[in-house]
N, C-alpha and C. Protein backbone atom coordinates (compact mmCIF):
# COMPACT_ATOMS: atom_id res chain seq x y z
N MET A 1 1.10 -1.23 -0.18
CA MET A 1 -0.30 0.04 -0.08
C MET A 1 0.77 1.05 0.32
N HIS A 2 0.72 2.48 -0.95
CA HIS A 2 1.50 3.68 -1.44
C HIS A 2 1.15 4.35 -0.01
N ASN A 3 2.26 4.94 0.34
CA ASN A 3 1.45 6.12 1.88
C ASN A 3 0.39 6.92 1.27
N ASP A 4 0.24 7.10 0.47
CA ASP A 4 -0.81 8.08 -0.17
C ASP A 4 -2.32 7.40 -0.19
N GLN A 5 -2.10 6.12 -0.11
CA GLN A 5 -3.18 5.39 0.12
C GLN A 5 -3.66 4.87 1.49
N LYS A 6 -2.40 4.80 1.90
CA LYS A 6 -2.66 4.19 3.63
C LYS A 6 -3.03 5.43 4.12
N ASN A 7 -2.46 6.72 4.11
CA ASN A 7 -2.85 7.99 4.93
C ASN A 7 -4.56 8.40 4.41
N LYS A 8 -5.15 7.86 3.42
CA LYS A 8 -6.77 8.10 2.90
C LYS A 8 -7.08 6.64 3.57
N PHE A 9 -6.65 5.84 4.00
CA PHE A 9 -7.42 4.35 4.52
C PHE A 9 -7.41 5.47 5.79
N LEU A 10 -6.39 5.54 6.60
CA LEU A 10 -6.28 6.19 7.48
C LEU A 10 -7.81 7.07 8.27
N VAL A 11 -7.65 8.09 7.07
CA VAL A 11 -8.82 9.06 7.54
C VAL A 11 -9.85 8.68 7.34
N GLU A 12 -9.86 7.93 6.35
CA GLU A 12 -11.69 7.21 5.92
C GLU A 12 -11.89 6.37 7.39
N PHE A 13 -11.14 5.00 7.69
CA PHE A 13 -11.17 4.68 8.92
C PHE A 13 -11.75 5.54 10.13
N GLY A 14 -10.75 6.19 10.30
CA GLY A 14 -11.13 7.21 11.62
C GLY A 14 -12.52 7.82 11.19
N ALA A 15 -12.87 7.99 10.36
CA ALA A 15 -14.02 8.88 9.91
C ALA A 15 -15.37 7.83 10.73
N TYR A 16 -15.50 6.81 9.87
CA TYR A 16 -15.93 5.60 9.94
C TYR A 16 -16.17 5.50 11.33
N LEU A 17 -14.97 5.19 12.30
CA LEU A 17 -15.05 5.24 14.27
C LEU A 17 -15.67 6.41 14.64
N LYS A 18 -15.34 7.80 14.44
CA LYS A 18 -16.26 8.71 14.74
C LYS A 18 -17.57 8.48 14.30
N ASN A 19 -18.22 8.40 13.35
CA ASN A 19 -19.25 8.25 12.79
C ASN A 19 -20.08 7.12 13.81
N ARG A 20 -19.49 6.53 14.27
CA ARG A 20 -19.81 4.68 14.66
C ARG A 20 -20.13 5.83 16.10
N ARG A 21 -19.10 5.95 16.89
CA ARG A 21 -19.13 6.47 18.07
C ARG A 21 -20.32 7.75 18.14
N GLU A 22 -20.44 8.73 17.37
CA GLU A 22 -21.33 9.73 17.38
C GLU A 22 -23.02 9.46 17.02
N LYS A 23 -22.77 8.63 16.15
CA LYS A 23 -24.20 8.47 15.39
C LYS A 23 -24.84 6.89 15.68
N THR A 24 -24.55 5.75 15.92
CA THR A 24 -24.91 4.44 16.88
C THR A 24 -24.60 4.42 17.96
N LEU A 25 -23.75 4.91 18.99
CA LEU A 25 -23.67 4.70 20.38
C LEU A 25 -24.14 5.48 20.79
N LYS A 26 -24.51 7.11 20.15
CA LYS A 26 -25.21 8.23 21.05
C LYS A 26 -23.99 9.17 21.84
N GLU A 27 -22.98 8.76 21.60
CA GLU A 27 -21.69 9.57 22.23
C GLU A 27 -21.00 10.40 21.88
N ASP A 28 -21.64 11.58 21.99
CA ASP A 28 -20.66 12.63 20.84
C ASP A 28 -19.76 13.19 21.89
N ASN A 29 -19.18 13.23 23.45
CA ASN A 29 -18.39 13.43 23.84
C ASN A 29 -16.94 12.43 23.79
N LEU A 30 -15.84 12.59 22.97
CA LEU A 30 -14.78 11.60 23.14
C LEU A 30 -14.23 11.07 24.47
N LEU A 31 -14.02 12.30 25.52
CA LEU A 31 -13.60 12.41 26.39
C LEU A 31 -14.31 11.69 27.33
N GLN A 32 -15.26 11.75 27.56
CA GLN A 32 -16.27 10.88 28.16
C GLN A 32 -16.36 9.00 27.71
N PHE A 33 -16.18 8.94 26.56
CA PHE A 33 -16.20 7.85 25.69
C PHE A 33 -15.17 7.38 26.17
N SER A 34 -13.83 7.76 26.00
CA SER A 34 -12.29 7.24 26.39
C SER A 34 -12.36 6.81 27.82
N TYR A 35 -13.35 7.30 28.83
CA TYR A 35 -13.30 7.23 29.65
C TYR A 35 -13.95 5.57 30.09
N LEU A 36 -15.34 6.14 29.61
CA LEU A 36 -16.26 4.84 29.49
C LEU A 36 -15.84 3.43 29.00
N SER A 37 -14.59 3.65 28.07
CA SER A 37 -14.18 2.56 27.08
C SER A 37 -12.98 2.15 27.66
N ASN A 38 -11.97 2.92 28.27
CA ASN A 38 -10.68 2.86 28.99
C ASN A 38 -9.81 2.94 28.02
N LEU A 39 -10.20 3.69 27.13
CA LEU A 39 -9.19 3.45 25.83
C LEU A 39 -8.64 5.44 26.41
N ASP A 40 -6.87 5.77 25.79
CA ASP A 40 -6.36 7.10 25.77
C ASP A 40 -7.31 7.96 25.25
N ASN A 41 -7.95 9.23 25.76
CA ASN A 41 -8.35 10.19 24.89
C ASN A 41 -7.86 10.63 23.99
N SER A 42 -6.41 11.10 24.21
CA SER A 42 -5.79 11.82 22.95
C SER A 42 -5.34 10.72 21.79
N LYS A 43 -5.13 9.30 22.51
CA LYS A 43 -4.82 8.16 20.82
C LYS A 43 -6.17 8.43 20.30
N LEU A 44 -7.49 7.94 20.96
CA LEU A 44 -8.89 8.01 20.11
C LEU A 44 -9.06 9.23 19.64
N ALA A 45 -8.50 10.08 19.74
CA ALA A 45 -8.92 11.49 18.58
C ALA A 45 -8.09 11.33 17.50
N LYS A 46 -6.74 10.85 17.75
CA LYS A 46 -5.64 10.86 16.96
C LYS A 46 -5.83 9.80 15.68
N ILE A 47 -6.31 8.48 16.12
CA ILE A 47 -7.15 7.51 15.59
C ILE A 47 -8.46 7.62 15.07
N GLU A 48 -9.48 8.69 15.46
CA GLU A 48 -10.48 9.39 14.46
C GLU A 48 -9.82 10.08 13.50
N LYS A 49 -9.30 10.70 13.38
CA LYS A 49 -8.59 11.78 12.91
C LYS A 49 -7.48 11.42 11.42
N GLY A 50 -7.29 9.78 11.99
CA GLY A 50 -6.50 9.51 10.67
C GLY A 50 -4.96 9.55 11.12
N LYS A 51 -4.72 10.32 12.19
CA LYS A 51 -2.97 10.66 12.42
C LYS A 51 -2.37 9.80 12.77
N ILE A 52 -2.23 8.41 12.88
CA ILE A 52 -1.84 7.10 13.62
C ILE A 52 -2.46 5.94 13.07
N ASP A 53 -0.86 5.17 12.88
CA ASP A 53 -1.42 3.90 11.98
C ASP A 53 -1.47 2.79 13.67
N ILE A 54 -2.60 2.23 13.87
CA ILE A 54 -2.66 1.42 15.15
C ILE A 54 -1.65 0.09 14.87
N GLN A 55 -1.57 -0.72 16.21
CA GLN A 55 -1.26 -1.67 16.04
C GLN A 55 -2.76 -2.81 16.12
N PHE A 56 -2.57 -4.40 16.41
CA PHE A 56 -3.77 -4.92 15.55
C PHE A 56 -4.40 -4.77 17.24
N SER A 57 -3.72 -4.91 18.36
CA SER A 57 -3.79 -5.39 20.08
C SER A 57 -4.70 -3.95 20.13
N THR A 58 -4.50 -2.85 19.45
CA THR A 58 -5.03 -1.90 19.86
C THR A 58 -6.65 -1.76 18.80
N LEU A 59 -6.69 -2.07 17.89
CA LEU A 59 -7.80 -2.68 16.58
C LEU A 59 -8.81 -3.44 17.80
N ILE A 60 -8.04 -4.26 18.40
CA ILE A 60 -8.95 -5.26 18.92
C ILE A 60 -9.58 -4.69 20.10
N GLU A 61 -9.11 -3.39 20.82
CA GLU A 61 -9.34 -2.30 21.85
C GLU A 61 -11.04 -1.65 21.29
N ILE A 62 -10.39 -1.37 20.54
CA ILE A 62 -11.62 -0.29 19.32
C ILE A 62 -12.32 -1.14 19.08
N ALA A 63 -12.30 -2.41 18.61
CA ALA A 63 -13.22 -3.16 18.22
C ALA A 63 -14.54 -3.22 19.33
N LYS A 64 -13.76 -3.81 20.62
CA LYS A 64 -14.85 -3.53 21.92
C LYS A 64 -15.58 -2.34 22.33
N ALA A 65 -14.81 -1.37 22.13
CA ALA A 65 -14.83 0.29 22.75
C ALA A 65 -15.94 0.66 21.97
N TYR A 66 -16.10 0.63 20.28
CA TYR A 66 -17.05 0.95 19.57
C TYR A 66 -18.20 -0.27 19.33
N LYS A 67 -18.07 -1.40 19.56
CA LYS A 67 -19.26 -2.52 19.72
C LYS A 67 -19.57 -2.91 18.46
N LEU A 68 -18.28 -3.07 17.49
CA LEU A 68 -17.64 -3.34 16.31
C LEU A 68 -17.94 -5.19 16.48
N THR A 69 -18.36 -5.30 15.62
CA THR A 69 -17.88 -6.94 15.56
C THR A 69 -16.88 -7.57 14.49
N ASP A 70 -16.70 -8.30 14.43
CA ASP A 70 -14.90 -8.77 13.78
C ASP A 70 -15.17 -8.51 12.29
N LYS A 71 -16.58 -9.08 11.87
CA LYS A 71 -16.85 -8.32 10.30
C LYS A 71 -17.06 -7.14 10.25
N ALA A 72 -17.03 -6.50 11.08
CA ALA A 72 -17.83 -5.21 11.27
C ALA A 72 -16.56 -4.33 10.78
N ILE A 73 -15.61 -4.47 12.16
CA ILE A 73 -14.15 -3.90 11.92
C ILE A 73 -13.02 -4.28 10.51
N LEU A 74 -12.97 -5.80 10.58
CA LEU A 74 -12.16 -6.16 9.57
C LEU A 74 -12.79 -5.96 7.77
N GLY A 75 -14.03 -5.73 7.85
CA GLY A 75 -14.90 -6.06 7.21
C GLY A 75 -14.71 -4.59 6.30
N PHE A 76 -14.37 -3.48 7.13
CA PHE A 76 -14.42 -2.17 6.44
C PHE A 76 -13.72 -1.67 5.15
N LYS A 77 -14.45 -0.77 4.07
CA LYS A 77 -13.89 -1.21 2.87
C LYS A 77 -12.93 0.11 2.68
N PHE A 78 -11.80 -0.27 2.33
CA PHE A 78 -11.14 0.77 1.84
C PHE A 78 -10.82 1.10 -0.07
N ILE A 79 -10.15 1.79 -0.22
CA ILE A 79 -9.80 2.20 -1.65
C ILE A 79 -8.76 1.03 -2.18
N SER A 80 -8.87 -0.01 -3.42
CA SER A 80 -7.81 -0.85 -3.06
C SER A 80 -7.12 -0.10 -4.54
N ASP A 81 -5.85 -1.01 -4.67
CA ASP A 81 -4.77 -0.70 -6.20
C ASP A 81 -5.58 -0.72 -7.33
N GLU A 82 -5.71 0.12 -8.15
CA GLU A 82 -6.56 0.06 -9.38
C GLU A 82 -5.81 0.34 -10.31
């Protein structure tokens, strides 16, 4: 995956998580959500903005916090090489 493509994926994935938190979980306050989910507020903010690449263990924590099934988290659609 090229750098531009990777960055675009991170931004899209972050937007997907933010939308999930706000619309599905009805939690607008990231600080409150981070407290309830036991995840670091600043790290969550960076993930939702697509600023950091995460490890697999963090992905599992996110799936639990955002109440995503394995299919929903790993089935996230991203732009492939054309």
